[in-house]
Amino acid sequence: MDISLSSDNEKFLQSQITAGIYKTLSDAINANLSIIISTEQTIPQDVLQRFKDDVQKGLDDVNAGRVSDCIEFMDSLIEEDMKNTD
């Protein structure tokens, strides 16, 4: 079987081999694929699909520029909470 990996995936797998977690690229791919298969068999498909949909929605928002600064957002929540407790 011939497969192609993205550069990020290849770097991740190579880092696992370098760290001594796996001896070969085949070992790393097989182990990580087993984790994916196990997860997909354990999590109900409707739950998994909702999660994938939510992640995609977030990625779509980022790509469309619909993002906000986390610190500013948290500061606004704290400020709003302080107004409500006065």
PDB file of N, CA and C in Angstrom:
ATOM      1  N   MET A   1       0.850  -1.172   0.000  1.00  0.00           N
ATOM      2  CA  MET A   1       0.000   0.000   0.000  1.00  0.00           C
ATOM      3  C   MET A   1       0.898   1.237   0.000  1.00  0.00           C
ATOM      4  N   ASP A   2       0.521   2.190  -0.801  1.00  0.00           N
ATOM      5  CA  ASP A   2       1.275   3.439  -0.900  1.00  0.00           C
ATOM      6  C   ASP A   2       0.399   4.556  -0.345  1.00  0.00           C
ATOM      7  N   ILE A   3       0.907   5.304   0.642  1.00  0.00           N
ATOM      8  CA  ILE A   3       0.126   6.401   1.227  1.00  0.00           C
ATOM      9  C   ILE A   3       0.935   7.682   1.194  1.00  0.00           C
ATOM     10  N   SER A   4       0.218   8.801   1.226  1.00  0.00           N
ATOM     11  CA  SER A   4       0.845  10.113   1.307  1.00  0.00           C
ATOM     12  C   SER A   4       0.384  10.783   2.591  1.00  0.00           C
ATOM     13  N   LEU A   5       1.312  11.404   3.290  1.00  0.00           N
ATOM     14  CA  LEU A   5       0.999  12.104   4.535  1.00  0.00           C
ATOM     15  C   LEU A   5       1.214  13.598   4.335  1.00  0.00           C
ATOM     16  N   SER A   6       0.388  14.385   5.004  1.00  0.00           N
ATOM     17  CA  SER A   6       0.649  15.826   5.001  1.00  0.00           C
ATOM     18  C   SER A   6       1.944  16.052   5.776  1.00  0.00           C
ATOM     19  N   SER A   7       2.586  17.177   5.551  1.00  0.00           N
ATOM     20  CA  SER A   7       3.850  17.441   6.244  1.00  0.00           C
ATOM     21  C   SER A   7       3.649  17.504   7.759  1.00  0.00           C
ATOM     22  N   ASP A   8       2.502  18.047   8.205  1.00  0.00           N
ATOM     23  CA  ASP A   8       2.222  18.109   9.647  1.00  0.00           C
ATOM     24  C   ASP A   8       2.070  16.709  10.241  1.00  0.00           C
ATOM     25  N   ASN A   9       1.353  15.836   9.534  1.00  0.00           N
ATOM     26  CA  ASN A   9       1.176  14.467  10.032  1.00  0.00           C
ATOM     27  C   ASN A   9       2.499  13.716  10.054  1.00  0.00           C
ATOM     28  N   GLU A  10       3.302  13.919   9.021  1.00  0.00           N
ATOM     29  CA  GLU A  10       4.603  13.254   8.974  1.00  0.00           C
ATOM     30  C   GLU A  10       5.491  13.733  10.121  1.00  0.00           C
ATOM     31  N   LYS A  11       5.493  15.044  10.380  1.00  0.00           N
ATOM     32  CA  LYS A  11       6.292  15.593  11.492  1.00  0.00           C
ATOM     33  C   LYS A  11       5.829  15.008  12.825  1.00  0.00           C
ATOM     34  N   PHE A  12       4.499  14.916  12.997  1.00  0.00           N
ATOM     35  CA  PHE A  12       3.966  14.358  14.241  1.00  0.00           C
ATOM     36  C   PHE A  12       4.425  12.921  14.438  1.00  0.00           C
ATOM     37  N   LEU A  13       4.276  12.105  13.399  1.00  0.00           N
ATOM     38  CA  LEU A  13       4.666  10.702  13.508  1.00  0.00           C
ATOM     39  C   LEU A  13       6.174  10.566  13.710  1.00  0.00           C
ATOM     40  N   GLN A  14       6.957  11.382  13.009  1.00  0.00           N
ATOM     41  CA  GLN A  14       8.411  11.334  13.182  1.00  0.00           C
ATOM     42  C   GLN A  14       8.804  11.741  14.601  1.00  0.00           C
ATOM     43  N   SER A  15       8.072  12.702  15.186  1.00  0.00           N
ATOM     44  CA  SER A  15       8.385  13.109  16.561  1.00  0.00           C
ATOM     45  C   SER A  15       8.108  11.975  17.538  1.00  0.00           C
ATOM     46  N   GLN A  16       7.083  11.170  17.253  1.00  0.00           N
ATOM     47  CA  GLN A  16       6.790  10.018  18.114  1.00  0.00           C
ATOM     48  C   GLN A  16       7.881   8.957  17.998  1.00  0.00           C
ATOM     49  N   ILE A  17       8.409   8.794  16.788  1.00  0.00           N
ATOM     50  CA  ILE A  17       9.497   7.835  16.586  1.00  0.00           C
ATOM     51  C   ILE A  17      10.765   8.337  17.265  1.00  0.00           C
ATOM     52  N   THR A  18      11.077   9.616  17.094  1.00  0.00           N
ATOM     53  CA  THR A  18      12.261  10.217  17.720  1.00  0.00           C
ATOM     54  C   THR A  18      12.197  10.119  19.237  1.00  0.00           C
ATOM     55  N   ALA A  19      10.985  10.289  19.790  1.00  0.00           N
ATOM     56  CA  ALA A  19      10.804  10.216  21.243  1.00  0.00           C
ATOM     57  C   ALA A  19      10.872   8.781  21.757  1.00  0.00           C
ATOM     58  N   GLY A  20      10.932   7.819  20.833  1.00  0.00           N
ATOM     59  CA  GLY A  20      11.027   6.422  21.251  1.00  0.00           C
ATOM     60  C   GLY A  20       9.683   5.772  21.539  1.00  0.00           C
ATOM     61  N   ILE A  21       8.599   6.460  21.209  1.00  0.00           N
ATOM     62  CA  ILE A  21       7.277   5.892  21.437  1.00  0.00           C
ATOM     63  C   ILE A  21       7.045   4.727  20.473  1.00  0.00           C
ATOM     64  N   TYR A  22       7.499   4.891  19.245  1.00  0.00           N
ATOM     65  CA  TYR A  22       7.389   3.838  18.219  1.00  0.00           C
ATOM     66  C   TYR A  22       8.746   3.651  17.573  1.00  0.00           C
ATOM     67  N   LYS A  23       8.978   2.429  17.031  1.00  0.00           N
ATOM     68  CA  LYS A  23      10.255   2.137  16.391  1.00  0.00           C
ATOM     69  C   LYS A  23      10.256   2.502  14.913  1.00  0.00           C
ATOM     70  N   THR A  24       9.112   2.330  14.263  1.00  0.00           N
ATOM     71  CA  THR A  24       9.051   2.574  12.823  1.00  0.00           C
ATOM     72  C   THR A  24       7.827   3.412  12.483  1.00  0.00           C
ATOM     73  N   LEU A  25       7.843   3.958  11.273  1.00  0.00           N
ATOM     74  CA  LEU A  25       6.703   4.727  10.785  1.00  0.00           C
ATOM     75  C   LEU A  25       5.456   3.842  10.713  1.00  0.00           C
ATOM     76  N   SER A  26       5.622   2.603  10.295  1.00  0.00           N
ATOM     77  CA  SER A  26       4.480   1.675  10.237  1.00  0.00           C
ATOM     78  C   SER A  26       3.873   1.454  11.620  1.00  0.00           C
ATOM     79  N   ASP A  27       4.733   1.281  12.631  1.00  0.00           N
ATOM     80  CA  ASP A  27       4.239   1.109  14.003  1.00  0.00           C
ATOM     81  C   ASP A  27       3.430   2.328  14.443  1.00  0.00           C
ATOM     82  N   ALA A  28       3.951   3.519  14.156  1.00  0.00           N
ATOM     83  CA  ALA A  28       3.286   4.753  14.560  1.00  0.00           C
ATOM     84  C   ALA A  28       1.939   4.900  13.858  1.00  0.00           C
ATOM     85  N   ILE A  29       1.908   4.648  12.561  1.00  0.00           N
ATOM     86  CA  ILE A  29       0.653   4.770  11.811  1.00  0.00           C
ATOM     87  C   ILE A  29      -0.367   3.748  12.298  1.00  0.00           C
ATOM     88  N   ASN A  30       0.046   2.501  12.460  1.00  0.00           N
ATOM     89  CA  ASN A  30      -0.880   1.465  12.912  1.00  0.00           C
ATOM     90  C   ASN A  30      -1.444   1.756  14.298  1.00  0.00           C
ATOM     91  N   ALA A  31      -0.604   2.203  15.211  1.00  0.00           N
ATOM     92  CA  ALA A  31      -1.067   2.504  16.564  1.00  0.00           C
ATOM     93  C   ALA A  31      -2.043   3.668  16.563  1.00  0.00           C
ATOM     94  N   ASN A  32      -1.715   4.732  15.842  1.00  0.00           N
ATOM     95  CA  ASN A  32      -2.601   5.893  15.807  1.00  0.00           C
ATOM     96  C   ASN A  32      -3.901   5.588  15.075  1.00  0.00           C
ATOM     97  N   LEU A  33      -3.837   4.777  14.032  1.00  0.00           N
ATOM     98  CA  LEU A  33      -5.047   4.364  13.331  1.00  0.00           C
ATOM     99  C   LEU A  33      -5.931   3.514  14.237  1.00  0.00           C
ATOM    100  N   SER A  34      -5.326   2.658  15.044  1.00  0.00           N
ATOM    101  CA  SER A  34      -6.095   1.843  15.995  1.00  0.00           C
ATOM    102  C   SER A  34      -6.839   2.718  16.993  1.00  0.00           C
ATOM    103  N   ILE A  35      -6.201   3.803  17.426  1.00  0.00           N
ATOM    104  CA  ILE A  35      -6.853   4.734  18.348  1.00  0.00           C
ATOM    105  C   ILE A  35      -8.059   5.381  17.677  1.00  0.00           C
ATOM    106  N   ILE A  36      -7.901   5.796  16.441  1.00  0.00           N
ATOM    107  CA  ILE A  36      -9.014   6.410  15.710  1.00  0.00           C
ATOM    108  C   ILE A  36     -10.157   5.423  15.553  1.00  0.00           C
ATOM    109  N   ILE A  37      -9.854   4.208  15.156  1.00  0.00           N
ATOM    110  CA  ILE A  37     -10.889   3.184  14.965  1.00  0.00           C
ATOM    111  C   ILE A  37     -11.604   2.898  16.276  1.00  0.00           C
ATOM    112  N   SER A  38     -10.841   2.757  17.350  1.00  0.00           N
ATOM    113  CA  SER A  38     -11.427   2.491  18.663  1.00  0.00           C
ATOM    114  C   SER A  38     -12.344   3.624  19.102  1.00  0.00           C
ATOM    115  N   THR A  39     -11.897   4.854  18.893  1.00  0.00           N
ATOM    116  CA  THR A  39     -12.696   6.024  19.267  1.00  0.00           C
ATOM    117  C   THR A  39     -13.994   6.056  18.469  1.00  0.00           C
ATOM    118  N   GLU A  40     -13.902   5.829  17.181  1.00  0.00           N
ATOM    119  CA  GLU A  40     -15.103   5.888  16.342  1.00  0.00           C
ATOM    120  C   GLU A  40     -16.067   4.753  16.667  1.00  0.00           C
ATOM    121  N   GLN A  41     -15.559   3.626  17.137  1.00  0.00           N
ATOM    122  CA  GLN A  41     -16.435   2.521  17.509  1.00  0.00           C
ATOM    123  C   GLN A  41     -17.067   2.745  18.886  1.00  0.00           C
ATOM    124  N   THR A  42     -16.407   3.525  19.733  1.00  0.00           N
ATOM    125  CA  THR A  42     -16.888   3.763  21.094  1.00  0.00           C
ATOM    126  C   THR A  42     -17.907   4.895  21.147  1.00  0.00           C
ATOM    127  N   ILE A  43     -17.657   5.945  20.380  1.00  0.00           N
ATOM    128  CA  ILE A  43     -18.522   7.121  20.399  1.00  0.00           C
ATOM    129  C   ILE A  43     -19.665   6.920  19.410  1.00  0.00           C
ATOM    130  N   PRO A  44     -20.912   7.115  19.851  1.00  0.00           N
ATOM    131  CA  PRO A  44     -22.031   6.989  18.914  1.00  0.00           C
ATOM    132  C   PRO A  44     -21.834   7.903  17.707  1.00  0.00           C
ATOM    133  N   GLN A  45     -22.178   7.405  16.544  1.00  0.00           N
ATOM    134  CA  GLN A  45     -21.942   8.147  15.304  1.00  0.00           C
ATOM    135  C   GLN A  45     -22.630   9.502  15.276  1.00  0.00           C
ATOM    136  N   ASP A  46     -23.832   9.613  15.868  1.00  0.00           N
ATOM    137  CA  ASP A  46     -24.515  10.912  15.857  1.00  0.00           C
ATOM    138  C   ASP A  46     -23.760  11.928  16.716  1.00  0.00           C
ATOM    139  N   VAL A  47     -23.193  11.485  17.826  1.00  0.00           N
ATOM    140  CA  VAL A  47     -22.410  12.369  18.691  1.00  0.00           C
ATOM    141  C   VAL A  47     -21.127  12.786  17.964  1.00  0.00           C
ATOM    142  N   LEU A  48     -20.489  11.828  17.336  1.00  0.00           N
ATOM    143  CA  LEU A  48     -19.270  12.117  16.589  1.00  0.00           C
ATOM    144  C   LEU A  48     -19.554  13.090  15.446  1.00  0.00           C
ATOM    145  N   GLN A  49     -20.665  12.912  14.755  1.00  0.00           N
ATOM    146  CA  GLN A  49     -20.999  13.800  13.646  1.00  0.00           C
ATOM    147  C   GLN A  49     -21.292  15.210  14.140  1.00  0.00           C
ATOM    148  N   ARG A  50     -22.005  15.339  15.279  1.00  0.00           N
ATOM    149  CA  ARG A  50     -22.260  16.669  15.834  1.00  0.00           C
ATOM    150  C   ARG A  50     -20.955  17.356  16.210  1.00  0.00           C
ATOM    151  N   PHE A  51     -20.028  16.592  16.792  1.00  0.00           N
ATOM    152  CA  PHE A  51     -18.719  17.148  17.149  1.00  0.00           C
ATOM    153  C   PHE A  51     -17.994  17.629  15.896  1.00  0.00           C
ATOM    154  N   LYS A  52     -17.971  16.799  14.855  1.00  0.00           N
ATOM    155  CA  LYS A  52     -17.309  17.186  13.603  1.00  0.00           C
ATOM    156  C   LYS A  52     -17.969  18.423  13.005  1.00  0.00           C
ATOM    157  N   ASP A  53     -19.306  18.487  13.071  1.00  0.00           N
ATOM    158  CA  ASP A  53     -20.030  19.655  12.552  1.00  0.00           C
ATOM    159  C   ASP A  53     -19.669  20.920  13.331  1.00  0.00           C
ATOM    160  N   ASP A  54     -19.587  20.797  14.662  1.00  0.00           N
ATOM    161  CA  ASP A  54     -19.230  21.946  15.500  1.00  0.00           C
ATOM    162  C   ASP A  54     -17.807  22.420  15.217  1.00  0.00           C
ATOM    163  N   VAL A  55     -16.894  21.475  15.057  1.00  0.00           N
ATOM    164  CA  VAL A  55     -15.514  21.842  14.730  1.00  0.00           C
ATOM    165  C   VAL A  55     -15.476  22.547  13.381  1.00  0.00           C
ATOM    166  N   GLN A  56     -16.207  22.012  12.405  1.00  0.00           N
ATOM    167  CA  GLN A  56     -16.223  22.636  11.079  1.00  0.00           C
ATOM    168  C   GLN A  56     -16.810  24.041  11.144  1.00  0.00           C
ATOM    169  N   LYS A  57     -17.862  24.218  11.952  1.00  0.00           N
ATOM    170  CA  LYS A  57     -18.464  25.543  12.110  1.00  0.00           C
ATOM    171  C   LYS A  57     -17.434  26.527  12.676  1.00  0.00           C
ATOM    172  N   GLY A  58     -16.671  26.078  13.656  1.00  0.00           N
ATOM    173  CA  GLY A  58     -15.631  26.926  14.231  1.00  0.00           C
ATOM    174  C   GLY A  58     -14.563  27.274  13.215  1.00  0.00           C
ATOM    175  N   LEU A  59     -14.147  26.287  12.427  1.00  0.00           N
ATOM    176  CA  LEU A  59     -13.150  26.549  11.386  1.00  0.00           C
ATOM    177  C   LEU A  59     -13.696  27.512  10.340  1.00  0.00           C
ATOM    178  N   ASP A  60     -14.966  27.348   9.978  1.00  0.00           N
ATOM    179  CA  ASP A  60     -15.597  28.263   9.020  1.00  0.00           C
ATOM    180  C   ASP A  60     -15.615  29.688   9.566  1.00  0.00           C
ATOM    181  N   ASP A  61     -15.926  29.831  10.871  1.00  0.00           N
ATOM    182  CA  ASP A  61     -15.931  31.155  11.498  1.00  0.00           C
ATOM    183  C   ASP A  61     -14.542  31.783  11.459  1.00  0.00           C
ATOM    184  N   VAL A  62     -13.528  31.001  11.779  1.00  0.00           N
ATOM    185  CA  VAL A  62     -12.154  31.521  11.749  1.00  0.00           C
ATOM    186  C   VAL A  62     -11.786  31.945  10.338  1.00  0.00           C
ATOM    187  N   ASN A  63     -12.086  31.089   9.362  1.00  0.00           N
ATOM    188  CA  ASN A  63     -11.756  31.412   7.972  1.00  0.00           C
ATOM    189  C   ASN A  63     -12.496  32.643   7.470  1.00  0.00           C
ATOM    190  N   ALA A  64     -13.685  32.902   8.017  1.00  0.00           N
ATOM    191  CA  ALA A  64     -14.466  34.071   7.604  1.00  0.00           C
ATOM    192  C   ALA A  64     -14.117  35.309   8.432  1.00  0.00           C
ATOM    193  N   GLY A  65     -13.185  35.162   9.377  1.00  0.00           N
ATOM    194  CA  GLY A  65     -12.778  36.304  10.190  1.00  0.00           C
ATOM    195  C   GLY A  65     -13.700  36.583  11.359  1.00  0.00           C
ATOM    196  N   ARG A  66     -14.600  35.661  11.653  1.00  0.00           N
ATOM    197  CA  ARG A  66     -15.516  35.854  12.785  1.00  0.00           C
ATOM    198  C   ARG A  66     -14.859  35.307  14.053  1.00  0.00           C
ATOM    199  N   VAL A  67     -13.891  36.063  14.548  1.00  0.00           N
ATOM    200  CA  VAL A  67     -13.161  35.674  15.754  1.00  0.00           C
ATOM    201  C   VAL A  67     -13.080  36.861  16.696  1.00  0.00           C
ATOM    202  N   SER A  68     -12.805  36.589  17.950  1.00  0.00           N
ATOM    203  CA  SER A  68     -12.607  37.669  18.908  1.00  0.00           C
ATOM    204  C   SER A  68     -11.444  37.307  19.818  1.00  0.00           C
ATOM    205  N   ASP A  69     -10.876  38.315  20.439  1.00  0.00           N
ATOM    206  CA  ASP A  69      -9.760  38.122  21.341  1.00  0.00           C
ATOM    207  C   ASP A  69     -10.279  37.515  22.642  1.00  0.00           C
ATOM    208  N   CYS A  70      -9.708  36.420  23.056  1.00  0.00           N
ATOM    209  CA  CYS A  70     -10.162  35.700  24.252  1.00  0.00           C
ATOM    210  C   CYS A  70     -10.050  36.564  25.510  1.00  0.00           C
ATOM    211  N   ILE A  71      -8.951  37.290  25.658  1.00  0.00           N
ATOM    212  CA  ILE A  71      -8.745  38.116  26.848  1.00  0.00           C
ATOM    213  C   ILE A  71      -9.800  39.213  26.916  1.00  0.00           C
ATOM    214  N   GLU A  72     -10.032  39.865  25.783  1.00  0.00           N
ATOM    215  CA  GLU A  72     -11.056  40.911  25.751  1.00  0.00           C
ATOM    216  C   GLU A  72     -12.432  40.336  26.082  1.00  0.00           C
ATOM    217  N   PHE A  73     -12.723  39.168  25.544  1.00  0.00           N
ATOM    218  CA  PHE A  73     -14.010  38.528  25.802  1.00  0.00           C
ATOM    219  C   PHE A  73     -14.172  38.209  27.289  1.00  0.00           C
ATOM    220  N   MET A  74     -13.147  37.629  27.892  1.00  0.00           N
ATOM    221  CA  MET A  74     -13.211  37.287  29.316  1.00  0.00           C
ATOM    222  C   MET A  74     -13.337  38.544  30.165  1.00  0.00           C
ATOM    223  N   ASP A  75     -12.608  39.614  29.802  1.00  0.00           N
ATOM    224  CA  ASP A  75     -12.713  40.883  30.536  1.00  0.00           C
ATOM    225  C   ASP A  75     -14.140  41.426  30.468  1.00  0.00           C
ATOM    226  N   SER A  76     -14.781  41.304  29.288  1.00  0.00           N
ATOM    227  CA  SER A  76     -16.150  41.804  29.161  1.00  0.00           C
ATOM    228  C   SER A  76     -17.119  40.974  30.006  1.00  0.00           C
ATOM    229  N   LEU A  77     -16.890  39.664  30.098  1.00  0.00           N
ATOM    230  CA  LEU A  77     -17.739  38.828  30.952  1.00  0.00           C
ATOM    231  C   LEU A  77     -17.581  39.199  32.422  1.00  0.00           C
ATOM    232  N   ILE A  78     -16.353  39.431  32.851  1.00  0.00           N
ATOM    233  CA  ILE A  78     -16.092  39.816  34.242  1.00  0.00           C
ATOM    234  C   ILE A  78     -16.735  41.165  34.540  1.00  0.00           C
ATOM    235  N   GLU A  79     -16.581  42.091  33.619  1.00  0.00           N
ATOM    236  CA  GLU A  79     -17.177  43.418  33.796  1.00  0.00           C
ATOM    237  C   GLU A  79     -18.703  43.318  33.894  1.00  0.00           C
ATOM    238  N   GLU A  80     -19.300  42.517  33.033  1.00  0.00           N
ATOM    239  CA  GLU A  80     -20.758  42.339  33.045  1.00  0.00           C
ATOM    240  C   GLU A  80     -21.193  41.683  34.359  1.00  0.00           C
ATOM    241  N   ASP A  81     -20.442  40.718  34.817  1.00  0.00           N
ATOM    242  CA  ASP A  81     -20.779  40.043  36.078  1.00  0.00           C
ATOM    243  C   ASP A  81     -20.683  41.001  37.259  1.00  0.00           C
ATOM    244  N   MET A  82     -19.686  41.868  37.247  1.00  0.00           N
ATOM    245  CA  MET A  82     -19.525  42.845  38.325  1.00  0.00           C
ATOM    246  C   MET A  82     -20.693  43.836  38.341  1.00  0.00           C
ATOM    247  N   LYS A  83     -21.190  44.213  37.164  1.00  0.00           N
ATOM    248  CA  LYS A  83     -22.342  45.115  37.100  1.00  0.00           C
ATOM    249  C   LYS A  83     -23.578  44.443  37.666  1.00  0.00           C
ATOM    250  N   ASN A  84     -23.715  43.155  37.418  1.00  0.00           N
ATOM    251  CA  ASN A  84     -24.903  42.420  37.872  1.00  0.00           C
ATOM    252  C   ASN A  84     -24.878  42.139  39.374  1.00  0.00           C
ATOM    253  N   THR A  85     -23.707  42.184  40.008  1.00  0.00           N
ATOM    254  CA  THR A  85     -23.621  41.926  41.441  1.00  0.00           C
ATOM    255  C   THR A  85     -23.716  43.206  42.270  1.00  0.00           C
ATOM    256  N   ASP A  86     -23.663  44.355  41.621  1.00  0.00           N
ATOM    257  CA  ASP A  86     -23.759  45.640  42.350  1.00  0.00           C
ATOM    258  C   ASP A  86     -25.174  45.947  42.756  1.00  0.00           C
TER     259      ASP A  86
END
